[in-house]
């Protein structure tokens, strides 16, 4: 009996229609889709010892079960359920296919023994046959210990499908996690896997604007990379993707894999580039005197940008960008008209610095002169006004200070200030008495 439909993609022999109670002699058993040759094998129905899906399974001792008919349309994959019988521990499974009516067989798998997964629990095993034409399947117990048994159930054979000759690409995953970095620093890379088959030309992987790709995680980044197929195939290859970080902003797009004749594949990427937070380390000058007038303040720090702004005690003086570590601000006279300690900060798209204090000192009192003792009779004055102020005669060089001159002429009689301005000619000093 042949398979009922040549185009059936999966046909199952579930052993439920089979009857065979002894291991020997070898004989044919009629199952759902045809007859099978049982050699040293039977149909087991012992619920305590046989492992089956339903009410029965094939039990193979030192032999095999083999199709006694051809399945047209070949065999793509073969799957079956198998387990060690009862408490046996020495059975081993082997699956073979034939395209010449069973005259010879080809292995489709290495031996499946307890050491590599065959257990006392019924489980599914799947094998690739990939054989065209009329096909037969043989399933054997390759005993490691004579007399050990295995159960076989639910044999499924799919049709053979000839390999496609159409160029094809794969790119996964479909999207990467969101990238994040600061300006001037590329992001940590993420990985895409790309492969291709039946390719006639190179496989190209291209990055969208703001991103780069490479075949190495640590170097070689560019806007695109190419992979050369071998025999039309590009095996699964990791491609590393990173966000450039050249300018601040949000960047979205698709990494695209393409090759002539193949449908392009893409993976979505998105990410954000932010400016690093600025820092302010010093001010020059660091202080001024109240009423001193407008001046240029130099600010030194890091991560400054051309759009940076300076705040001086809440006002915004005109700011000039010199470099990523230096700015200047034109501070007006009104900002330092009164004494105090005023906060200075720098703001960029990356944030605002901690405040640095700029000290405005109170203006010093004007220097004054006082009489220490009255003039004695040896000191004469040229004139005394109605208020009793004395005018002292003398000529004073413009290059010296008044106080130093008075001290040299009248030592011990006047207190003086070295900052007093030199004045030529007769000088009037309040408080001098004849």
Protein backbone atom coordinates (compact mmCIF):
# COMPACT_ATOMS: atom_id res chain seq x y z
CA UNK A 1 0.00 0.00 0.00
CA UNK A 2 1.43 3.38 -1.01
CA UNK A 3 1.13 6.72 0.73
CA UNK A 4 -2.29 8.14 0.03
CA UNK A 5 -1.12 11.48 -1.41
CA UNK A 6 2.14 12.10 -3.20
CA UNK A 7 2.11 15.79 -2.25
CA UNK A 8 1.40 15.26 1.43
CA UNK A 9 3.95 17.27 3.37
CA UNK A 10 3.80 15.15 6.51
CA UNK A 11 2.52 11.59 6.88
CA UNK A 12 2.43 9.79 10.23
CA UNK A 13 2.64 6.10 10.99
CA UNK A 14 1.29 5.88 14.54
CA UNK A 15 1.35 2.06 15.02
CA UNK A 16 -2.28 2.05 16.15
CA UNK A 17 -3.31 -0.16 13.19
CA UNK A 18 -0.49 -2.66 13.64
CA UNK A 19 -0.61 -6.13 15.21
CA UNK A 20 2.46 -8.31 15.85
CA UNK A 21 3.04 -10.22 19.06
CA UNK A 22 6.40 -11.94 18.54
CA UNK A 23 9.92 -10.85 17.65
CA UNK A 24 10.54 -13.71 15.23
CA UNK A 25 10.41 -14.65 12.51
CA UNK A 26 10.69 -11.43 10.50
CA UNK A 27 7.37 -10.43 9.00
CA UNK A 28 5.27 -7.69 7.44
CA UNK A 29 2.99 -5.50 9.54
CA UNK A 30 0.29 -3.40 7.93
CA UNK A 31 0.19 0.14 9.28
CA UNK A 32 -1.85 3.16 8.22
CA UNK A 33 0.15 4.07 5.10
CA UNK A 34 1.63 0.75 4.03
CA UNK A 35 3.38 -2.43 5.14
CA UNK A 36 6.56 -2.44 7.19
CA UNK A 37 9.06 -5.25 7.58
CA UNK A 38 9.56 -6.02 11.28
CA UNK A 39 12.85 -7.83 11.99
CA UNK A 40 13.32 -8.91 15.62
CA UNK A 41 10.56 -6.42 16.44
CA UNK A 42 6.90 -6.47 17.47
CA UNK A 43 3.98 -4.17 18.32
CA UNK A 44 4.07 -3.58 22.06
CA UNK A 45 0.93 -2.86 24.08
CA UNK A 46 2.16 -3.35 27.65
CA UNK A 47 1.04 -0.23 29.45
CA UNK A 48 3.50 -0.81 32.28
CA UNK A 49 6.59 -1.38 30.12
CA UNK A 50 6.07 -0.06 26.57
CA UNK A 51 6.34 3.69 25.93
CA UNK A 52 3.79 4.87 23.38
CA UNK A 53 1.54 7.73 22.35
CA UNK A 54 -1.89 6.10 22.19
CA UNK A 55 -2.24 2.37 22.88
CA UNK A 56 0.79 0.78 21.21
CA UNK A 57 4.27 1.30 19.76
CA UNK A 58 6.85 -0.71 17.85
CA UNK A 59 9.25 -2.54 20.17
CA UNK A 60 12.60 -3.29 18.50
CA UNK A 61 15.11 -5.67 20.07
CA UNK A 62 18.21 -6.45 17.96
CA UNK A 63 16.64 -5.61 14.62
CA UNK A 64 14.70 -2.95 12.74
CA UNK A 65 11.45 -1.82 11.20
CA UNK A 66 11.61 -0.81 7.52
CA UNK A 67 9.14 0.48 4.94
CA UNK A 68 8.20 -2.23 2.44
CA UNK A 69 6.99 0.38 -0.04
CA UNK A 70 8.20 3.61 -1.62
CA UNK A 71 7.13 7.08 -0.56
CA UNK A 72 6.99 9.31 -3.65
CA UNK A 73 8.18 12.92 -3.53
CA UNK A 74 11.19 11.96 -1.44
CA UNK A 75 11.92 12.72 2.19
CA UNK A 76 12.70 16.14 3.61
CA UNK A 77 12.70 15.59 7.36
CA UNK A 78 11.98 12.50 9.42
CA UNK A 79 10.70 12.75 12.97
CA UNK A 80 9.72 10.03 15.40
CA UNK A 81 9.13 9.36 19.06
CA UNK A 82 11.51 6.96 20.80
CA UNK A 83 12.32 5.70 24.30
CA UNK A 84 14.12 2.87 26.07
CA UNK A 85 11.76 -0.04 26.75
CA UNK A 86 10.82 -0.70 30.38
CA UNK A 87 14.03 -0.61 32.46
CA UNK A 88 16.45 -1.36 29.61
CA UNK A 89 19.51 0.88 29.36
CA UNK A 90 21.49 -0.41 26.38
CA UNK A 91 19.40 0.38 23.29
CA UNK A 92 20.44 2.87 20.62
CA UNK A 93 18.53 4.42 17.72
CA UNK A 94 19.65 4.69 14.07
CA UNK A 95 17.66 6.11 11.11
CA UNK A 96 18.48 5.39 7.44
CA UNK A 97 16.95 6.20 4.04
CA UNK A 98 17.02 4.43 0.68
CA UNK A 99 16.21 5.65 -2.83
CA UNK A 100 16.66 2.25 -4.52
CA UNK A 101 13.84 0.19 -3.05
CA UNK A 102 15.79 -0.79 0.05
CA UNK A 103 18.76 -2.33 -1.77
CA UNK A 104 21.05 -0.01 0.22
CA UNK A 105 20.61 2.61 2.91
CA UNK A 106 22.25 5.90 3.92
CA UNK A 107 22.46 7.11 7.50
CA UNK A 108 20.68 10.38 8.24
CA UNK A 109 21.96 10.61 11.81
CA UNK A 110 24.63 9.30 14.08
CA UNK A 111 23.54 6.69 16.61
CA UNK A 112 21.25 8.08 19.32
CA UNK A 113 22.20 6.26 22.51
CA UNK A 114 21.46 6.89 26.20
CA UNK A 115 24.74 8.78 26.34
CA UNK A 116 23.43 11.34 23.84
CA UNK A 117 19.80 11.71 24.80
CA UNK A 118 17.84 8.45 24.49
CA UNK A 119 15.99 7.94 27.79
CA UNK A 120 13.14 5.93 29.29
CA UNK A 121 10.77 8.83 28.55
CA UNK A 122 9.14 9.00 25.11
CA UNK A 123 10.51 12.03 23.26
CA UNK A 124 10.62 13.38 19.70
CA UNK A 125 13.72 13.22 17.50
CA UNK A 126 13.92 15.00 14.13
CA UNK A 127 16.42 14.34 11.33
CA UNK A 128 17.14 15.89 7.92
CA UNK A 129 16.97 13.35 5.09
CA UNK A 130 16.86 15.63 2.02
CA UNK A 131 16.49 12.78 -0.45
CA UNK A 132 14.53 13.13 -3.68
CA UNK A 133 12.59 10.44 -5.58
CA UNK A 134 11.02 7.27 -4.18
CA UNK A 135 12.22 6.85 -0.63
CA UNK A 136 12.10 4.14 2.04
CA UNK A 137 12.99 4.57 5.72
CA UNK A 138 14.55 2.02 8.07
CA UNK A 139 14.75 2.48 11.85
CA UNK A 140 17.10 0.19 13.77
CA UNK A 141 18.09 -0.60 17.34
CA UNK A 142 21.89 -0.72 17.36
CA UNK A 143 22.21 -2.44 20.70
CA UNK A 144 25.13 -1.68 22.93
CA UNK A 145 23.99 -4.63 25.04
CA UNK A 146 22.40 -7.63 23.28
CA UNK A 147 18.71 -8.07 23.92
CA UNK A 148 18.06 -4.47 24.97
CA UNK A 149 14.92 -2.92 23.46
CA UNK A 150 13.59 0.45 22.34
CA UNK A 151 10.08 1.70 21.54
CA UNK A 152 9.31 3.59 18.31
CA UNK A 153 6.08 5.54 17.64
CA UNK A 154 4.59 8.34 15.49
CA UNK A 155 6.94 8.24 12.49
CA UNK A 156 6.50 11.37 10.34
CA UNK A 157 8.10 11.89 6.90
CA UNK A 158 7.81 15.20 5.03
CA UNK A 159 8.22 15.63 1.27
CA UNK A 160 11.58 16.56 -0.14
CA UNK A 161 11.84 20.19 -1.28
CA UNK A 162 14.54 21.04 -3.78
CA UNK A 163 16.80 23.84 -2.54
CA UNK A 164 15.80 27.24 -3.85
CA UNK A 165 18.09 28.93 -6.35
CA UNK A 166 16.63 32.37 -5.66
CA UNK A 167 19.05 34.74 -3.90
CA UNK A 168 17.93 35.19 -0.31
CA UNK A 169 19.08 37.29 2.65
CA UNK A 170 18.50 37.12 6.38
CA UNK A 171 19.08 39.93 8.89
CA UNK A 172 18.17 39.63 12.55
CA UNK A 173 16.93 40.79 14.94
CA UNK A 174 14.32 43.05 13.33
CA UNK A 175 15.21 45.92 15.68
CA UNK A 176 18.01 46.81 18.10
CA UNK A 177 17.68 48.34 21.55
CA UNK A 178 17.82 52.14 21.82
CA UNK A 179 21.35 53.55 21.55
CA UNK A 180 22.58 56.32 23.85
CA UNK A 181 25.79 58.36 23.98
CA UNK A 182 27.20 61.87 24.43
CA UNK A 183 28.64 64.11 21.73
CA UNK A 184 32.14 63.18 20.65
CA UNK A 185 31.88 59.58 21.89
CA UNK A 186 30.53 56.64 19.81
CA UNK A 187 28.01 54.44 21.58
CA UNK A 188 28.54 50.88 22.75
CA UNK A 189 28.00 48.66 19.66
CA UNK A 190 25.13 46.22 19.24
CA UNK A 191 25.08 43.13 17.02
CA UNK A 192 23.05 42.10 13.98
CA UNK A 193 23.42 38.71 12.30
CA UNK A 194 23.38 38.57 8.51
CA UNK A 195 23.49 35.65 6.07
CA UNK A 196 22.74 34.96 2.43
CA UNK A 197 22.27 32.09 -0.01
CA UNK A 198 22.37 31.70 -3.79
CA UNK A 199 24.09 35.05 -4.08
CA UNK A 200 25.73 36.14 -7.33
CA UNK A 201 27.45 39.20 -5.85
CA UNK A 202 28.59 40.71 -2.57
CA UNK A 203 26.22 41.15 0.35
CA UNK A 204 26.27 44.79 1.50
CA UNK A 205 25.18 46.03 4.94
CA UNK A 206 24.62 49.81 5.10
CA UNK A 207 24.00 52.04 8.12
CA UNK A 208 21.57 54.99 8.20
CA UNK A 209 22.69 58.57 8.89
CA UNK A 210 24.29 58.95 12.30
CA UNK A 211 25.34 55.28 12.53
CA UNK A 212 28.28 53.10 11.48
CA UNK A 213 28.76 49.37 10.90
CA UNK A 214 31.76 47.06 11.14
CA UNK A 215 32.69 43.39 11.01
CA UNK A 216 34.78 43.91 14.17
CA UNK A 217 33.40 45.24 17.44
CA UNK A 218 36.41 47.44 18.20
CA UNK A 219 37.52 48.91 14.86
CA UNK A 220 36.87 49.28 11.15
CA UNK A 221 33.60 51.23 11.41
CA UNK A 222 32.23 52.78 8.21
CA UNK A 223 28.94 53.68 6.58
CA UNK A 224 28.74 50.19 5.02
CA UNK A 225 30.51 46.82 4.91
CA UNK A 226 30.60 44.12 2.22
CA UNK A 227 30.72 40.34 2.60
CA UNK A 228 31.85 38.15 -0.30
CA UNK A 229 29.86 34.92 -0.73
CA UNK A 230 31.61 31.58 -1.08
CA UNK A 231 29.78 29.32 -3.52
CA UNK A 232 26.87 31.77 -3.40
CA UNK A 233 26.63 31.58 0.39
CA UNK A 234 27.41 34.00 3.20
CA UNK A 235 27.26 32.08 6.44
CA UNK A 236 25.77 33.78 9.48
CA UNK A 237 28.08 36.69 10.27
CA UNK A 238 27.86 39.27 13.09
CA UNK A 239 27.73 42.91 12.02
CA UNK A 240 28.37 45.51 14.72
CA UNK A 241 26.34 48.73 14.75
CA UNK A 242 27.06 51.89 16.75
CA UNK A 243 25.69 55.43 17.05
CA UNK A 244 28.33 57.93 15.93
CA UNK A 245 27.72 60.68 18.48
CA UNK A 246 29.05 63.47 16.24
CA UNK A 247 26.22 65.89 17.01
CA UNK A 248 23.49 66.00 19.63
CA UNK A 249 19.99 64.87 18.67
CA UNK A 250 17.72 61.88 18.04
CA UNK A 251 18.66 59.45 15.26
CA UNK A 252 16.36 56.80 13.76
CA UNK A 253 16.57 54.68 10.63
CA UNK A 254 17.21 51.19 9.29
CA UNK A 255 20.33 49.12 8.80
CA UNK A 256 19.86 47.51 5.37
CA UNK A 257 21.26 44.27 3.93
CA UNK A 258 21.19 44.00 0.13
CA UNK A 259 22.58 41.97 -2.76
CA UNK A 260 21.66 41.99 -6.46
CA UNK A 261 18.62 39.81 -7.15
CA UNK A 262 17.76 39.33 -3.47
CA UNK A 263 15.01 41.00 -1.48
CA UNK A 264 16.61 43.52 0.87
CA UNK A 265 16.30 43.06 4.61
CA UNK A 266 16.35 45.77 7.27
CA UNK A 267 16.66 46.21 11.03
CA UNK A 268 15.35 49.30 12.82
CA UNK A 269 17.71 51.43 14.93
CA UNK A 270 17.05 54.45 17.13
CA UNK A 271 19.15 56.43 19.57
CA UNK A 272 19.92 59.73 21.26
CA UNK A 273 23.09 61.81 21.43
CA UNK A 274 23.28 64.32 24.27
CA UNK A 275 25.91 66.95 25.07
CA UNK A 276 28.08 66.16 28.13
CA UNK A 277 27.46 68.30 31.21
CA UNK A 278 29.73 71.38 31.36
CA UNK A 279 32.01 72.14 34.30
CA UNK A 280 33.36 75.51 35.52
CA UNK A 281 36.75 75.43 37.25
CA UNK A 282 37.97 79.05 37.42
CA UNK A 283 37.17 82.73 36.79
CA UNK A 284 39.66 85.40 35.75
CA UNK A 285 39.66 87.90 37.29
CA UNK A 286 38.19 86.27 40.37
CA UNK A 287 37.12 89.55 41.98
CA UNK A 288 36.60 93.27 41.35
CA UNK A 289 36.03 96.50 43.29
CA UNK A 290 32.57 98.01 43.45
CA UNK A 291 32.21 100.78 40.92
CA UNK A 292 35.31 99.70 39.00
CA UNK A 293 33.43 99.59 35.70
CA UNK A 294 32.81 97.04 32.93
CA UNK A 295 35.35 94.27 32.32
CA UNK A 296 35.92 91.00 30.40
CA UNK A 297 35.54 87.86 32.51
CA UNK A 298 37.36 84.71 31.34
CA UNK A 299 35.74 81.40 32.33
CA UNK A 300 37.72 78.13 32.24
CA UNK A 301 36.18 74.65 32.44
CA UNK A 302 35.18 71.77 30.18
CA UNK A 303 32.51 70.67 27.69
CA UNK A 304 31.70 74.23 26.60
CA UNK A 305 29.89 74.63 23.28
CA UNK A 306 29.47 77.45 20.78
CA UNK A 307 25.92 77.97 22.06
CA UNK A 308 26.99 78.20 25.73
CA UNK A 309 25.64 81.10 27.79
CA UNK A 310 26.97 82.73 30.96
CA UNK A 311 24.87 83.85 33.91
CA UNK A 312 26.40 86.54 36.16
CA UNK A 313 24.27 87.08 39.26
CA UNK A 314 21.17 86.27 37.22
CA UNK A 315 22.01 88.50 34.26
CA UNK A 316 23.19 87.23 30.87
CA UNK A 317 26.26 89.14 29.68
CA UNK A 318 27.33 88.73 26.02
CA UNK A 319 29.33 85.49 25.77
CA UNK A 320 32.13 84.58 23.35
CA UNK A 321 33.09 80.94 22.71
CA UNK A 322 36.87 80.43 22.54
CA UNK A 323 37.13 76.65 22.90
CA UNK A 324 35.46 73.72 24.62
CA UNK A 325 37.37 74.77 27.75
CA UNK A 326 37.19 78.59 27.67
CA UNK A 327 34.62 81.37 27.29
CA UNK A 328 34.63 85.12 27.85
CA UNK A 329 31.77 87.28 29.08
CA UNK A 330 31.47 91.08 28.80
CA UNK A 331 30.33 92.04 32.32
CA UNK A 332 28.75 95.55 32.41
CA UNK A 333 29.56 98.13 35.09
CA UNK A 334 26.03 97.83 36.48
CA UNK A 335 26.72 94.21 37.45
CA UNK A 336 29.54 95.24 39.82
CA UNK A 337 28.20 98.54 41.13
CA UNK A 338 27.76 97.18 44.65
CA UNK A 339 29.79 94.87 46.87
CA UNK A 340 28.88 91.20 47.30
CA UNK A 341 29.56 87.63 46.18
CA UNK A 342 27.70 86.86 42.96
CA UNK A 343 27.03 83.40 41.41
CA UNK A 344 28.45 82.70 37.95
CA UNK A 345 27.33 79.66 35.88
CA UNK A 346 27.67 78.30 32.34
CA UNK A 347 24.75 76.61 30.56
CA UNK A 348 24.89 74.34 27.48
CA UNK A 349 22.50 71.76 26.04
CA UNK A 350 24.23 69.30 28.37
CA UNK A 351 23.17 71.18 31.52
CA UNK A 352 24.29 73.98 33.85
CA UNK A 353 27.50 74.08 35.89
CA UNK A 354 27.68 74.50 39.63
CA UNK A 355 27.94 78.17 40.57
CA UNK A 356 31.30 79.83 41.17
CA UNK A 357 31.34 82.92 43.38
CA UNK A 358 32.63 86.21 41.96
CA UNK A 359 33.59 88.62 44.77
CA UNK A 360 32.95 92.38 44.41
CA UNK A 361 34.83 94.22 47.15
CA UNK A 362 33.66 97.52 48.69
CA UNK A 363 35.58 100.59 47.43
CA UNK A 364 38.41 101.73 49.81
CA UNK A 365 37.94 105.03 51.73
CA UNK A 366 39.80 108.05 50.30
CA UNK A 367 43.22 108.58 51.96
CA UNK A 368 43.26 111.33 54.65
CA UNK A 369 45.85 113.38 56.52
CA UNK A 370 45.84 114.19 60.17
CA UNK A 371 48.02 116.36 62.39
CA UNK A 372 49.99 114.33 64.86
CA UNK A 373 51.26 117.36 66.85
CA UNK A 374 50.92 121.11 66.34
CA UNK A 375 53.59 122.85 64.34
CA UNK A 376 56.31 124.22 66.59
CA UNK A 377 57.93 127.63 66.21
CA UNK A 378 60.53 126.25 63.83
CA UNK A 379 57.92 125.54 61.21
CA UNK A 380 56.36 128.49 59.48
CA UNK A 381 53.33 128.61 57.25
CA UNK A 382 52.84 130.91 54.36
CA UNK A 383 49.24 131.60 55.20
CA UNK A 384 46.35 130.58 57.42
CA UNK A 385 42.76 130.85 56.27
CA UNK A 386 39.77 131.92 58.36
CA UNK A 387 39.10 128.32 59.33
CA UNK A 388 42.63 127.92 60.67
CA UNK A 389 43.87 125.74 57.82
CA UNK A 390 47.55 126.15 57.07
CA UNK A 391 49.05 126.51 53.60
CA UNK A 392 52.57 125.12 53.43
CA UNK A 393 54.92 126.63 50.94
CA UNK A 394 56.95 124.32 48.75
CA UNK A 395 57.40 122.84 45.33
CA UNK A 396 56.64 119.10 44.91
CA UNK A 397 57.71 116.89 42.06
CA UNK A 398 54.86 115.30 40.10
CA UNK A 399 56.68 111.96 40.12
CA UNK A 400 56.56 111.55 43.91
CA UNK A 401 53.68 111.09 46.28
CA UNK A 402 52.58 113.98 48.39
CA UNK A 403 52.89 111.99 51.59
CA UNK A 404 56.50 111.02 50.97
CA UNK A 405 57.43 114.65 50.27
CA UNK A 406 55.72 115.95 53.41
CA UNK A 407 57.37 113.25 55.45
CA UNK A 408 60.81 114.27 54.21
CA UNK A 409 60.22 117.97 54.90
CA UNK A 410 58.36 117.66 58.18
CA UNK A 411 59.40 114.36 59.72
CA UNK A 412 57.27 113.31 62.67
CA UNK A 413 54.60 115.95 62.18
CA UNK A 414 52.19 114.45 59.65
CA UNK A 415 50.49 111.12 59.18
CA UNK A 416 50.45 110.33 55.47
CA UNK A 417 49.15 107.84 52.96
CA UNK A 418 51.51 106.43 50.36
CA UNK A 419 48.64 106.40 47.88
CA UNK A 420 48.04 110.11 48.04
CA UNK A 421 48.48 111.71 44.66
CA UNK A 422 51.52 113.91 44.11
CA UNK A 423 50.68 117.56 43.59
CA UNK A 424 53.00 120.38 42.47
CA UNK A 425 53.09 123.84 44.01
CA UNK A 426 51.65 125.11 47.30
CA UNK A 427 49.52 122.47 48.97
CA UNK A 428 46.67 122.98 51.38
CA UNK A 429 46.06 120.21 53.91
CA UNK A 430 43.05 120.41 56.23
CA UNK A 431 43.72 120.00 59.89
CA UNK A 432 47.24 121.48 59.97
CA UNK A 433 47.67 124.04 62.69
CA UNK A 434 50.46 126.59 63.06
